[in-house]
Amino acid sequence: MPVLYKNWSTLQNLAFNHQSMVLSNVMLCILTAIVQFGTAIWIWESIRGKSYSTVSSPAFIIVPILSAWTLFTLCDTIAFMEFLHARDVRGYKISIIVSLFAGVLLNVLVLWFMDSKASLEENTTDDEAEATKIEPSPDELEALHTVENNEKVEKGKKKKLYFINNIKIYFTHVIVIGHMILRMFTTNPGSDILAMKEYATIPALVVNGEANKVFGYEFTLVATEIGTAVAVQAFYFWSGYFVPKSYDKKGTYLFLLERTKRLGIPFVLFTFILGPYLEFFVTGSFGQRYDNGNDGEIDYPVFVYPGPTWFLAHLLLFNILYVIFCGENWNPSIKFPGVQSMMKVGLVMGLVVSTVTLFVPEYGVYFIAPAFFRDYLYDITFFFGGAIASRNNWIEDGLKKSMSREKRIALYFGCALIGVAVYLFTYFDIYTGGFNQVQVWTIEAENTAAYVVLHFLWHSFVGGGVALVALQLATAVFFMDYLDTSFRVITEFSSKSMYTAYMIHVLFPLQIAFYLWSKLLALFVEDFEFTSDGVATFENSYLYILGVLFTSIVATLVTWPSAYLVRSIPGFSQVL
């Protein structure tokens, strides 16, 4: 059997896909069971106004275990039946939706039973507790008020870091526009035609291959792909940055409950309901084809579709891991390592990723995460790196003070060189991007040594590793220097909308943008129409640039106001 992934046989790919499906279903069902339990606690506390932070009965784990097993059985059955091209799986899909709400209801019933039992025990001890209650002395009350006032003064002295919020807003825009571009455009490996080919829910446009040399068609794709990867790592870092203080302030119970509400509920609702069904019907209403990945048979929705909320699932997982392995008041003493040391860490990660992705597909989905083997080491490192940075004031006392003017210029110049390197890789067709594996067009397929060298060069220096760290640092420094301020109404609007915008942009804004652009092309391009495969061809290569600009603007204008309106619905702000 071939060892390198580029030489894998059909059987090896099939085995990998099956393994990926099972592991993703396992994680999906476990996290869903956790979210069901957390949602039930939230509902019951809202009804009774009682906290369950001190309850640790084994009875509480019975329903989550049963729920996880039921969901896994249903998901695995549907996946297997769809693999066999069995069409009558609607009953199983309905069962999944029913089990989602049934799991929450059963958890509420368990909470009701345990609450009733606990109430009987509490009633027998209330009188004794009241009799032995000790009131604090006047001196103790005065000391307590002094501590509280000192804490308020300390909080008042600390400057709010607006640039962090602006970074998150910026990268949300990058994600929305990046997904628009990557869904519209992708390469057609081995062909002179560069296809704007369907990916997930949007059809394709095909332009003449010469546009690649003139306008940097593939450079746009690869640069966008890198940009979205940088955005995700930035979200991990800044999410991890705020975890320690939030956890110390709220404690384990409130911290996990809040994370379950904010991360888990949107993930579950999107994965099982909004993603598979709303997007399916929205896409069809615009006359576009819905690709469920089932060998071109595209007339029914997939049974689960995490979409962009896969990130929320893993963010919830990382928060749980932080609670388990770090705990309250975790405070490792690690000084700011300096830019050069960070670059070395990036290089080490790049070398590890390069080695791993020689033997497994870099875009393989594992545990719901796309590009798991390419990105997951970065995900973990940036999240817990953010927590360490927060504990040791790396941003305020480290990065800001250590970056001289010369270092800043060197960092920006290095990022410019990365851009040049990316362009050269795409210009000479060494790397095609667009969710495809590395393609070495200028080297014979059997030249394994050349393939390995270029593979390591890309993932260690150009498209990952050092490049990812450099781009993160450059973004942080730039925003820290020039955008550490609030833009009032714009900042307030964007801050409230960005989380919702991240989740809903794939549901309908991208489809609307592509629909309008395709209608414009139909007006100005002769014989413009989509084939049965969802592909339309036109000769004016430069139109792809206009397409990128037009669809990006429309997607942005639709996504952000829609996100603000959704979040403004009463009760939604507690989750969004």
Protein backbone atom coordinates (compact mmCIF):
# COMPACT_ATOMS: atom_id res chain seq x y z
CA MET A 1 0.00 0.00 0.00
CA PRO A 2 1.33 3.50 -0.85
CA VAL A 3 2.60 5.48 2.13
CA LEU A 4 2.51 9.07 0.87
CA TYR A 5 -0.97 10.51 0.64
CA LYS A 6 -0.49 11.69 -2.95
CA ASN A 7 -0.14 8.01 -3.95
CA TRP A 8 -3.07 6.68 -1.91
CA SER A 9 -5.30 4.10 -3.53
CA THR A 10 -9.07 4.32 -3.76
CA LEU A 11 -9.38 1.80 -0.94
CA GLN A 12 -7.18 3.90 1.34
CA ASN A 13 -9.23 7.01 0.66
CA LEU A 14 -12.43 5.09 1.29
CA ALA A 15 -11.17 3.74 4.62
CA PHE A 16 -10.03 7.21 5.68
CA ASN A 17 -13.40 8.75 4.81
CA HIS A 18 -15.24 6.09 6.80
CA GLN A 19 -12.99 6.62 9.80
CA SER A 20 -13.45 10.37 9.54
CA MET A 21 -17.23 10.00 9.42
CA VAL A 22 -17.37 7.81 12.52
CA LEU A 23 -15.06 10.01 14.60
CA SER A 24 -16.91 13.15 13.57
CA ASN A 25 -20.22 11.55 14.55
CA VAL A 26 -18.78 10.52 17.93
CA MET A 27 -17.65 14.05 18.76
CA LEU A 28 -20.82 15.60 17.38
CA CYS A 29 -23.03 13.42 19.56
CA ILE A 30 -21.00 13.84 22.74
CA LEU A 31 -20.96 17.63 22.43
CA THR A 32 -24.67 17.65 21.59
CA ALA A 33 -25.44 15.64 24.74
CA ILE A 34 -23.42 18.14 26.80
CA VAL A 35 -25.31 21.03 25.21
CA GLN A 36 -28.66 19.33 25.89
CA PHE A 37 -27.74 19.00 29.56
CA GLY A 38 -26.56 22.61 29.79
CA THR A 39 -29.69 23.85 28.03
CA ALA A 40 -31.89 21.91 30.45
CA ILE A 41 -30.10 23.48 33.42
CA TRP A 42 -30.56 26.93 31.90
CA ILE A 43 -34.28 26.31 31.34
CA TRP A 44 -34.84 24.87 34.80
CA GLU A 45 -32.94 27.65 36.52
CA SER A 46 -35.00 30.21 34.59
CA ILE A 47 -38.17 28.53 35.87
CA ARG A 48 -37.14 27.93 39.47
CA GLY A 49 -34.45 30.55 39.95
CA LYS A 50 -32.16 27.98 41.54
CA SER A 51 -28.53 27.20 40.86
CA TYR A 52 -27.29 23.63 40.52
CA SER A 53 -23.62 24.46 40.95
CA THR A 54 -23.32 22.24 44.04
CA VAL A 55 -25.26 19.23 42.75
CA SER A 56 -23.06 16.33 41.66
CA SER A 57 -25.36 13.32 41.65
CA PRO A 58 -24.47 10.49 39.24
CA ALA A 59 -28.10 10.64 38.09
CA PHE A 60 -27.29 13.71 36.04
CA ILE A 61 -25.06 11.79 33.64
CA ILE A 62 -27.62 9.11 32.75
CA VAL A 63 -29.61 11.13 30.22
CA PRO A 64 -26.56 12.68 28.46
CA ILE A 65 -25.06 9.21 27.99
CA LEU A 66 -28.33 7.80 26.61
CA SER A 67 -28.81 10.85 24.42
CA ALA A 68 -25.27 10.69 23.00
CA TRP A 69 -25.66 6.98 22.23
CA THR A 70 -29.06 7.49 20.56
CA LEU A 71 -27.80 10.35 18.40
CA PHE A 72 -24.70 8.43 17.41
CA THR A 73 -26.77 5.41 16.40
CA LEU A 74 -29.05 7.57 14.25
CA CYS A 75 -26.22 9.56 12.66
CA ASP A 76 -24.15 6.49 11.92
CA THR A 77 -27.15 4.67 10.44
CA ILE A 78 -28.03 7.59 8.16
CA ALA A 79 -24.42 8.04 7.06
CA PHE A 80 -24.15 4.33 6.21
CA MET A 81 -27.46 4.30 4.33
CA GLU A 82 -26.52 7.40 2.33
CA PHE A 83 -23.19 5.79 1.53
CA LEU A 84 -25.16 2.89 0.06
CA HIS A 85 -27.30 5.45 -1.83
CA ALA A 86 -30.40 4.52 0.16
CA ARG A 87 -32.91 7.27 -0.43
CA ASP A 88 -35.54 6.60 2.23
CA VAL A 89 -33.78 8.07 5.27
CA ARG A 90 -36.31 10.80 6.06
CA GLY A 91 -37.62 8.91 9.09
CA TYR A 92 -34.14 8.76 10.61
CA LYS A 93 -33.61 12.47 9.98
CA ILE A 94 -36.88 13.30 11.70
CA SER A 95 -35.83 11.05 14.58
CA ILE A 96 -32.64 13.08 15.03
CA ILE A 97 -34.62 16.32 15.38
CA VAL A 98 -37.04 14.69 17.82
CA SER A 99 -34.17 13.26 19.89
CA LEU A 100 -32.58 16.71 20.16
CA PHE A 101 -35.60 18.16 21.95
CA ALA A 102 -36.42 14.93 23.77
CA GLY A 103 -32.94 14.91 25.30
CA VAL A 104 -33.46 18.41 26.70
CA LEU A 105 -36.90 17.45 28.07
CA LEU A 106 -35.57 14.30 29.75
CA ASN A 107 -32.79 16.31 31.36
CA VAL A 108 -35.35 18.80 32.68
CA LEU A 109 -37.36 15.92 34.17
CA VAL A 110 -34.24 14.60 35.92
CA LEU A 111 -33.55 18.08 37.29
CA TRP A 112 -37.15 18.29 38.51
CA PHE A 113 -36.86 14.92 40.25
CA MET A 114 -33.54 15.79 41.88
CA ASP A 115 -34.84 19.20 42.88
CA SER A 116 -37.88 17.67 44.54
CA LYS A 117 -35.70 15.21 46.43
CA ALA A 118 -33.26 17.92 47.52
CA SER A 119 -36.11 20.17 48.69
CA LEU A 120 -37.27 17.53 51.18
CA GLU A 121 -33.79 17.28 52.67
CA GLU A 122 -33.34 21.05 52.81
CA ASN A 123 -36.62 21.60 54.69
CA THR A 124 -35.41 19.47 57.60
CA THR A 125 -32.28 21.58 58.07
CA ASP A 126 -33.56 25.10 57.35
CA ASP A 127 -34.45 25.86 60.97
CA GLU A 128 -31.07 24.65 62.25
CA ALA A 129 -29.20 26.65 59.64
CA GLU A 130 -31.15 29.81 60.52
CA ALA A 131 -30.42 29.35 64.20
CA THR A 132 -26.69 28.95 63.67
CA LYS A 133 -26.37 31.71 61.06
CA ILE A 134 -23.60 34.15 61.96
CA GLU A 135 -23.89 37.77 60.84
CA PRO A 136 -20.67 39.58 59.92
CA SER A 137 -19.44 42.16 62.39
CA PRO A 138 -19.35 45.92 61.51
CA ASP A 139 -15.55 45.73 61.13
CA GLU A 140 -15.85 42.81 58.71
CA LEU A 141 -18.47 44.66 56.65
CA GLU A 142 -16.27 47.74 56.46
CA ALA A 143 -13.29 45.65 55.33
CA LEU A 144 -15.44 43.98 52.69
CA HIS A 145 -16.61 47.33 51.28
CA THR A 146 -13.00 48.55 51.23
CA VAL A 147 -11.89 45.58 49.14
CA GLU A 148 -14.80 46.04 46.72
CA ASN A 149 -14.04 49.74 46.30
CA ASN A 150 -10.36 49.01 45.66
CA GLU A 151 -11.31 46.49 42.99
CA LYS A 152 -13.56 49.09 41.31
CA VAL A 153 -10.70 51.60 41.33
CA GLU A 154 -8.34 49.07 39.78
CA LYS A 155 -10.88 48.28 37.08
CA GLY A 156 -11.36 51.96 36.39
CA LYS A 157 -7.64 52.53 35.91
CA LYS A 158 -7.21 49.78 33.33
CA LYS A 159 -7.46 50.96 29.74
CA LYS A 160 -9.84 49.10 27.50
CA LEU A 161 -8.05 47.47 24.58
CA TYR A 162 -10.24 48.54 21.67
CA PHE A 163 -7.83 47.12 19.11
CA ILE A 164 -8.67 43.56 20.16
CA ASN A 165 -12.35 44.12 19.41
CA ASN A 166 -11.43 45.76 16.10
CA ILE A 167 -9.27 42.75 15.17
CA LYS A 168 -12.20 40.40 15.73
CA ILE A 169 -14.50 42.62 13.67
CA TYR A 170 -11.93 42.76 10.87
CA PHE A 171 -11.41 39.01 10.77
CA THR A 172 -15.17 38.41 10.74
CA HIS A 173 -15.25 40.47 7.53
CA VAL A 174 -12.36 38.35 6.23
CA ILE A 175 -14.32 35.15 6.92
CA VAL A 176 -17.51 36.39 5.22
CA ILE A 177 -15.70 37.68 2.12
CA GLY A 178 -13.30 34.74 2.08
CA HIS A 179 -16.09 32.19 2.08
CA MET A 180 -17.79 34.13 -0.69
CA ILE A 181 -14.67 33.92 -2.86
CA LEU A 182 -13.83 30.31 -2.04
CA ARG A 183 -17.38 29.17 -2.72
CA MET A 184 -17.45 30.94 -6.07
CA PHE A 185 -13.96 30.17 -7.26
CA THR A 186 -11.87 27.07 -7.20
CA THR A 187 -9.33 25.54 -9.50
CA ASN A 188 -9.75 22.66 -11.89
CA PRO A 189 -6.53 20.66 -11.32
CA GLY A 190 -4.79 19.38 -14.43
CA SER A 191 -6.67 21.64 -16.82
CA ASP A 192 -5.99 24.94 -18.52
CA ILE A 193 -9.46 26.03 -17.52
CA LEU A 194 -9.74 27.76 -14.16
CA ALA A 195 -13.22 27.01 -12.98
CA MET A 196 -15.46 28.98 -10.73
CA LYS A 197 -16.80 25.65 -9.70
CA GLU A 198 -19.55 24.76 -7.28
CA TYR A 199 -18.60 24.18 -3.67
CA ALA A 200 -21.33 23.17 -1.22
CA THR A 201 -24.26 25.36 -2.26
CA ILE A 202 -23.19 27.78 -4.96
CA PRO A 203 -22.87 27.05 -8.71
CA ALA A 204 -19.81 27.73 -10.76
CA LEU A 205 -18.47 30.07 -13.36
CA VAL A 206 -15.65 29.09 -15.67
CA VAL A 207 -13.18 31.61 -17.06
CA ASN A 208 -10.30 31.27 -19.48
CA GLY A 209 -7.13 29.95 -17.89
CA GLU A 210 -5.02 32.86 -19.12
CA ALA A 211 -6.59 35.01 -16.43
CA ASN A 212 -4.35 33.24 -13.93
CA LYS A 213 -1.20 34.78 -15.40
CA VAL A 214 -2.63 38.21 -16.05
CA PHE A 215 -4.77 38.84 -13.01
CA GLY A 216 -3.43 36.35 -10.48
CA TYR A 217 -6.61 34.27 -10.38
CA GLU A 218 -5.12 31.44 -8.35
CA PHE A 219 -3.23 33.93 -6.20
CA THR A 220 -6.60 35.37 -5.17
CA LEU A 221 -7.80 31.92 -4.17
CA VAL A 222 -4.73 30.90 -2.22
CA ALA A 223 -4.34 34.28 -0.53
CA THR A 224 -7.98 34.10 0.51
CA GLU A 225 -7.48 30.58 1.82
CA ILE A 226 -4.51 31.71 3.90
CA GLY A 227 -6.44 34.78 5.07
CA THR A 228 -9.33 32.70 6.38
CA ALA A 229 -6.87 30.36 8.14
CA VAL A 230 -5.22 33.37 9.82
CA ALA A 231 -8.68 34.63 10.83
CA VAL A 232 -9.59 31.34 12.51
CA GLN A 233 -6.29 31.23 14.41
CA ALA A 234 -6.87 34.84 15.52
CA PHE A 235 -10.30 33.89 16.84
CA TYR A 236 -8.75 31.02 18.77
CA PHE A 237 -6.03 33.24 20.23
CA TRP A 238 -8.28 36.07 21.37
CA SER A 239 -10.90 33.64 22.67
CA GLY A 240 -8.22 31.96 24.74
CA TYR A 241 -6.96 35.38 25.82
CA PHE A 242 -10.18 36.18 27.67
CA VAL A 243 -10.79 32.71 29.13
CA PRO A 244 -8.63 32.90 32.31
CA LYS A 245 -10.16 36.11 33.68
CA SER A 246 -13.67 35.05 32.74
CA TYR A 247 -13.20 31.66 34.41
CA ASP A 248 -11.71 33.14 37.59
CA LYS A 249 -14.56 35.62 37.83
CA LYS A 250 -17.47 33.23 37.20
CA GLY A 251 -16.19 29.95 38.60
CA THR A 252 -16.50 26.53 37.00
CA TYR A 253 -20.27 26.20 37.02
CA LEU A 254 -21.26 29.61 35.66
CA PHE A 255 -18.35 29.64 33.21
CA LEU A 256 -19.27 26.31 31.63
CA LEU A 257 -22.99 27.11 31.63
CA GLU A 258 -22.36 30.43 29.89
CA ARG A 259 -20.06 28.79 27.34
CA THR A 260 -22.63 26.09 26.66
CA LYS A 261 -25.30 28.71 25.98
CA ARG A 262 -23.13 30.94 23.80
CA LEU A 263 -21.21 28.26 21.91
CA GLY A 264 -23.08 24.99 22.23
CA ILE A 265 -26.67 26.02 21.50
CA PRO A 266 -25.83 27.87 18.24
CA PHE A 267 -23.65 24.94 17.17
CA VAL A 268 -26.36 22.32 17.72
CA LEU A 269 -29.19 24.34 16.17
CA PHE A 270 -27.10 25.18 13.12
CA THR A 271 -25.71 21.68 12.67
CA PHE A 272 -28.98 19.78 12.86
CA ILE A 273 -31.57 22.32 11.69
CA LEU A 274 -30.40 25.59 10.14
CA GLY A 275 -27.47 24.16 8.19
CA PRO A 276 -29.06 21.11 6.56
CA TYR A 277 -32.57 22.45 5.95
CA LEU A 278 -32.70 26.26 5.89
CA GLU A 279 -29.68 26.52 3.62
CA PHE A 280 -31.08 23.76 1.41
CA PHE A 281 -34.38 25.58 0.88
CA VAL A 282 -32.79 29.02 0.54
CA THR A 283 -30.40 27.70 -2.08
CA GLY A 284 -33.20 26.03 -4.00
CA SER A 285 -35.32 29.18 -3.90
CA PHE A 286 -32.57 30.98 -5.81
CA GLY A 287 -32.47 28.26 -8.42
CA GLN A 288 -29.07 27.03 -7.30
CA ARG A 289 -27.91 23.46 -6.88
CA TYR A 290 -27.27 22.02 -3.45
CA ASP A 291 -24.26 19.73 -3.26
CA ASN A 292 -24.50 17.14 -0.51
CA GLY A 293 -21.35 15.40 -1.72
CA ASN A 294 -23.23 12.26 -2.74
CA ASP A 295 -21.74 11.61 -6.17
CA GLY A 296 -23.54 14.47 -7.84
CA GLU A 297 -27.02 13.44 -6.67
CA ILE A 298 -28.16 16.78 -5.37
CA ASP A 299 -31.85 16.77 -4.56
CA TYR A 300 -32.05 16.35 -0.80
CA PRO A 301 -30.26 17.93 2.19
CA VAL A 302 -27.54 16.30 4.23
CA PHE A 303 -28.61 15.20 7.72
CA VAL A 304 -25.98 17.28 9.53
CA TYR A 305 -24.08 20.34 8.36
CA PRO A 306 -21.98 22.20 10.96
CA GLY A 307 -20.87 24.82 8.42
CA PRO A 308 -18.82 27.54 10.13
CA THR A 309 -20.06 26.45 13.56
CA TRP A 310 -17.51 23.63 13.65
CA PHE A 311 -15.33 26.35 15.16
CA LEU A 312 -17.82 26.87 18.01
CA ALA A 313 -17.79 23.15 18.77
CA HIS A 314 -14.03 23.05 19.17
CA LEU A 315 -13.99 26.32 21.06
CA LEU A 316 -16.42 24.77 23.53
CA LEU A 317 -14.19 21.69 23.73
CA PHE A 318 -11.10 23.84 24.42
CA ASN A 319 -12.94 25.72 27.17
CA ILE A 320 -13.87 22.41 28.80
CA LEU A 321 -10.27 21.22 28.53
CA TYR A 322 -9.08 24.47 30.10
CA VAL A 323 -11.37 23.89 33.09
CA ILE A 324 -10.20 20.28 33.47
CA PHE A 325 -6.45 20.72 33.04
CA CYS A 326 -5.83 24.34 34.06
CA GLY A 327 -8.49 25.22 36.63
CA GLU A 328 -9.17 28.43 38.48
CA ASN A 329 -6.31 30.86 39.12
CA TRP A 330 -4.03 28.93 36.76
CA ASN A 331 -1.09 31.27 36.35
CA PRO A 332 2.01 29.88 34.61
CA SER A 333 4.89 32.32 34.77
CA ILE A 334 6.11 32.61 31.18
CA LYS A 335 7.68 35.85 30.05
CA PHE A 336 7.04 37.26 26.60
CA PRO A 337 9.33 35.12 24.43
CA GLY A 338 10.01 37.75 21.79
CA VAL A 339 9.19 37.80 18.10
CA GLN A 340 12.12 35.61 17.03
CA SER A 341 11.21 32.87 19.50
CA MET A 342 7.61 32.97 18.29
CA MET A 343 8.82 32.55 14.72
CA LYS A 344 10.80 29.49 15.83
CA VAL A 345 7.68 28.03 17.42
CA GLY A 346 5.85 28.67 14.14
CA LEU A 347 8.62 26.89 12.24
CA VAL A 348 8.44 23.86 14.52
CA MET A 349 4.67 23.68 14.08
CA GLY A 350 5.07 24.03 10.33
CA LEU A 351 7.58 21.18 10.20
CA VAL A 352 5.26 18.95 12.22
CA VAL A 353 2.29 19.77 9.98
CA SER A 354 4.42 19.25 6.86
CA THR A 355 5.44 15.80 8.07
CA VAL A 356 1.94 14.72 9.08
CA THR A 357 0.28 15.92 5.87
CA LEU A 358 2.67 13.92 3.76
CA PHE A 359 0.88 10.78 4.98
CA VAL A 360 -2.72 11.95 5.48
CA PRO A 361 -4.90 14.43 3.58
CA GLU A 362 -4.36 17.95 4.83
CA TYR A 363 -8.00 18.81 4.11
CA GLY A 364 -9.36 15.69 5.77
CA VAL A 365 -12.26 16.26 8.16
CA TYR A 366 -11.66 14.75 11.59
CA PHE A 367 -13.81 15.36 14.66
CA ILE A 368 -15.94 17.81 12.62
CA ALA A 369 -12.90 20.05 11.99
CA PRO A 370 -12.07 20.73 8.32
CA ALA A 371 -8.37 20.55 7.42
CA PHE A 372 -7.85 18.84 10.78
CA PHE A 373 -4.32 17.59 10.13
CA ARG A 374 -3.24 20.90 8.65
CA ASP A 375 -4.75 23.27 11.21
CA TYR A 376 -5.46 21.56 14.52
CA LEU A 377 -1.99 21.93 15.99
CA TYR A 378 -2.25 25.65 15.30
CA ASP A 379 -5.75 25.76 16.80
CA ILE A 380 -4.63 24.28 20.12
CA THR A 381 -1.44 26.34 20.27
CA PHE A 382 -3.13 29.66 19.56
CA PHE A 383 -5.98 29.07 22.02
CA PHE A 384 -3.83 28.09 24.99
CA GLY A 385 -1.17 30.55 23.85
CA GLY A 386 -3.81 33.25 24.20
CA ALA A 387 -4.54 32.11 27.76
CA ILE A 388 -0.82 32.21 28.63
CA ALA A 389 -0.48 35.62 26.98
CA SER A 390 -3.35 36.95 29.11
CA ARG A 391 -1.87 35.65 32.36
CA ASN A 392 1.53 37.17 31.65
CA ASN A 393 0.48 40.43 29.96
CA TRP A 394 2.22 39.59 26.70
CA ILE A 395 0.25 42.17 24.77
CA GLU A 396 0.55 45.23 27.01
CA ASP A 397 3.95 44.57 28.61
CA GLY A 398 5.51 42.34 25.97
CA LEU A 399 4.58 42.88 22.36
CA LYS A 400 3.83 46.58 22.57
CA LYS A 401 7.01 47.51 24.41
CA SER A 402 9.41 45.15 22.65
CA MET A 403 8.49 46.11 19.09
CA SER A 404 10.80 48.91 18.02
CA ARG A 405 10.20 50.84 14.81
CA GLU A 406 12.84 48.75 13.03
CA LYS A 407 11.22 45.50 14.17
CA ARG A 408 7.85 46.70 12.99
CA ILE A 409 9.22 47.53 9.55
CA ALA A 410 10.99 44.15 9.39
CA LEU A 411 7.76 42.35 10.35
CA TYR A 412 5.71 44.14 7.70
CA PHE A 413 8.43 43.55 5.11
CA GLY A 414 8.44 39.85 5.99
CA CYS A 415 4.69 39.66 5.43
CA ALA A 416 5.14 41.34 2.04
CA LEU A 417 7.71 38.67 1.13
CA ILE A 418 5.20 36.00 2.12
CA GLY A 419 2.75 37.56 -0.33
CA VAL A 420 5.38 37.49 -3.09
CA ALA A 421 6.17 33.85 -2.32
CA VAL A 422 2.48 32.92 -2.49
CA TYR A 423 2.18 34.66 -5.85
CA LEU A 424 5.20 32.79 -7.22
CA PHE A 425 3.87 29.45 -6.00
CA THR A 426 0.57 30.10 -7.79
CA TYR A 427 2.12 31.71 -10.88
CA PHE A 428 4.23 28.63 -11.56
CA ASP A 429 1.34 26.31 -10.67
CA ILE A 430 3.16 24.77 -7.73
CA TYR A 431 0.23 25.21 -5.36
CA THR A 432 -3.35 25.60 -6.60
CA GLY A 433 -5.27 26.24 -3.39
CA GLY A 434 -9.04 26.27 -3.48
CA PHE A 435 -9.36 23.34 -1.06
CA ASN A 436 -7.17 21.10 -3.20
CA GLN A 437 -4.14 19.15 -2.07
CA VAL A 438 -0.70 20.45 -3.05
CA GLN A 439 -0.22 20.04 -6.81
CA VAL A 440 3.31 20.06 -8.21
CA TRP A 441 2.64 20.81 -11.87
CA THR A 442 6.20 21.56 -12.92
CA ILE A 443 7.57 18.35 -11.44
CA GLU A 444 6.93 14.85 -12.72
CA ALA A 445 4.57 12.93 -10.45
CA GLU A 446 7.18 10.28 -9.70
CA ASN A 447 9.71 12.87 -8.51
CA THR A 448 8.93 12.33 -4.84
CA ALA A 449 11.97 14.24 -3.56
CA ALA A 450 10.92 17.45 -5.32
CA TYR A 451 7.37 17.02 -4.08
CA VAL A 452 8.51 16.61 -0.47
CA VAL A 453 10.82 19.65 -0.62
CA LEU A 454 8.10 21.91 -2.03
CA HIS A 455 5.57 20.49 0.43
CA PHE A 456 7.79 21.34 3.42
CA LEU A 457 8.61 24.76 2.00
CA TRP A 458 4.95 25.62 1.60
CA HIS A 459 3.67 24.42 4.96
CA SER A 460 6.66 25.59 7.01
CA PHE A 461 7.34 29.03 5.53
CA VAL A 462 4.85 30.21 2.90
CA GLY A 463 1.35 28.90 3.61
CA GLY A 464 1.74 27.97 7.27
CA GLY A 465 4.22 27.80 10.13
CA VAL A 466 6.33 30.95 10.12
CA ALA A 467 3.90 32.72 7.79
CA LEU A 468 0.90 32.20 10.11
CA VAL A 469 2.77 33.53 13.15
CA ALA A 470 4.17 36.51 11.23
CA LEU A 471 0.76 37.47 9.85
CA GLN A 472 -0.82 37.20 13.31
CA LEU A 473 1.86 39.38 14.87
CA ALA A 474 1.72 41.94 12.07
CA THR A 475 -2.06 42.22 12.40
CA ALA A 476 -1.88 42.64 16.19
CA VAL A 477 0.87 45.27 15.97
CA PHE A 478 -0.87 47.23 13.21
CA PHE A 479 -4.21 47.37 15.04
CA MET A 480 -2.45 48.13 18.32
CA ASP A 481 -0.63 51.09 16.73
CA TYR A 482 -3.34 52.57 14.51
CA LEU A 483 -6.76 51.15 15.43
CA ASP A 484 -6.78 51.07 19.22
CA THR A 485 -9.89 53.22 19.39
CA SER A 486 -13.65 53.03 19.26
CA PHE A 487 -15.52 54.27 16.22
CA ARG A 488 -18.68 54.77 18.26
CA VAL A 489 -21.78 53.74 16.29
CA ILE A 490 -19.81 51.59 13.83
CA THR A 491 -17.96 49.79 16.60
CA GLU A 492 -21.11 49.25 18.64
CA PHE A 493 -23.03 47.94 15.63
CA SER A 494 -20.19 45.64 14.51
CA SER A 495 -19.47 44.35 18.02
CA LYS A 496 -23.07 43.28 18.50
CA SER A 497 -23.36 41.78 15.02
CA MET A 498 -20.06 39.98 14.40
CA TYR A 499 -20.79 36.72 16.25
CA THR A 500 -24.16 36.30 14.55
CA ALA A 501 -22.68 37.40 11.21
CA TYR A 502 -20.13 34.61 11.45
CA MET A 503 -22.89 32.02 11.81
CA ILE A 504 -25.53 33.20 9.36
CA HIS A 505 -23.43 34.35 6.40
CA VAL A 506 -23.55 30.93 4.73
CA LEU A 507 -27.31 30.52 5.16
CA PHE A 508 -28.52 33.16 2.70
CA PRO A 509 -26.21 36.19 2.17
CA LEU A 510 -23.77 34.30 -0.05
CA GLN A 511 -26.57 32.84 -2.12
CA ILE A 512 -28.15 36.27 -2.63
CA ALA A 513 -24.82 37.78 -3.68
CA PHE A 514 -24.12 35.02 -6.20
CA TYR A 515 -27.68 35.13 -7.52
CA LEU A 516 -27.46 38.85 -8.27
CA TRP A 517 -24.02 38.49 -9.88
CA SER A 518 -25.15 35.64 -12.11
CA LYS A 519 -28.16 37.70 -13.20
CA LEU A 520 -25.86 40.59 -14.14
CA LEU A 521 -23.66 38.22 -16.14
CA ALA A 522 -26.71 36.90 -17.93
CA LEU A 523 -27.50 40.46 -19.05
CA PHE A 524 -24.03 41.33 -20.35
CA VAL A 525 -22.52 37.99 -21.38
CA GLU A 526 -23.83 36.36 -24.53
CA ASP A 527 -25.20 32.81 -24.19
CA PHE A 528 -24.60 32.79 -20.46
CA GLU A 529 -26.34 29.87 -18.73
CA PHE A 530 -25.65 27.13 -16.22
CA THR A 531 -25.33 23.55 -17.40
CA SER A 532 -26.88 20.59 -15.64
CA ASP A 533 -23.63 20.32 -13.67
CA GLY A 534 -24.06 23.84 -12.32
CA VAL A 535 -21.27 25.38 -14.42
CA ALA A 536 -21.45 28.45 -16.66
CA THR A 537 -18.70 29.54 -19.05
CA PHE A 538 -17.76 33.02 -20.26
CA GLU A 539 -14.76 34.35 -22.15
CA ASN A 540 -14.12 37.71 -20.48
CA SER A 541 -11.52 36.67 -17.95
CA TYR A 542 -11.31 40.00 -16.17
CA LEU A 543 -14.92 39.65 -15.01
CA TYR A 544 -13.84 37.44 -12.14
CA ILE A 545 -12.28 40.51 -10.48
CA LEU A 546 -15.54 42.40 -10.78
CA GLY A 547 -17.32 39.30 -9.50
CA VAL A 548 -15.15 39.20 -6.40
CA LEU A 549 -15.77 42.89 -5.68
CA PHE A 550 -19.50 42.79 -6.39
CA THR A 551 -20.32 39.62 -4.45
CA SER A 552 -18.10 40.63 -1.51
CA ILE A 553 -19.87 43.98 -1.18
CA VAL A 554 -23.34 42.45 -1.50
CA ALA A 555 -22.56 39.62 0.93
CA THR A 556 -21.27 42.16 3.46
CA LEU A 557 -24.27 44.48 3.08
CA VAL A 558 -26.68 41.58 3.53
CA THR A 559 -24.84 39.74 6.32
CA TRP A 560 -24.19 42.45 8.90
CA PRO A 561 -27.59 44.18 9.07
CA SER A 562 -29.27 40.77 9.04
CA ALA A 563 -27.06 39.65 11.92
CA TYR A 564 -27.92 42.76 13.92
CA LEU A 565 -31.65 42.21 13.37
CA VAL A 566 -31.45 38.54 14.35
CA ARG A 567 -29.57 39.36 17.53
CA SER A 568 -32.13 42.06 18.37
CA ILE A 569 -34.92 39.48 18.62
CA PRO A 570 -35.94 39.30 22.31
CA GLY A 571 -33.99 36.58 24.11
CA PHE A 572 -31.54 35.94 21.27
CA SER A 573 -28.83 38.14 22.80
CA GLN A 574 -28.46 35.62 25.63
CA VAL A 575 -27.19 33.10 23.09
CA LEU A 576 -25.81 35.35 20.34
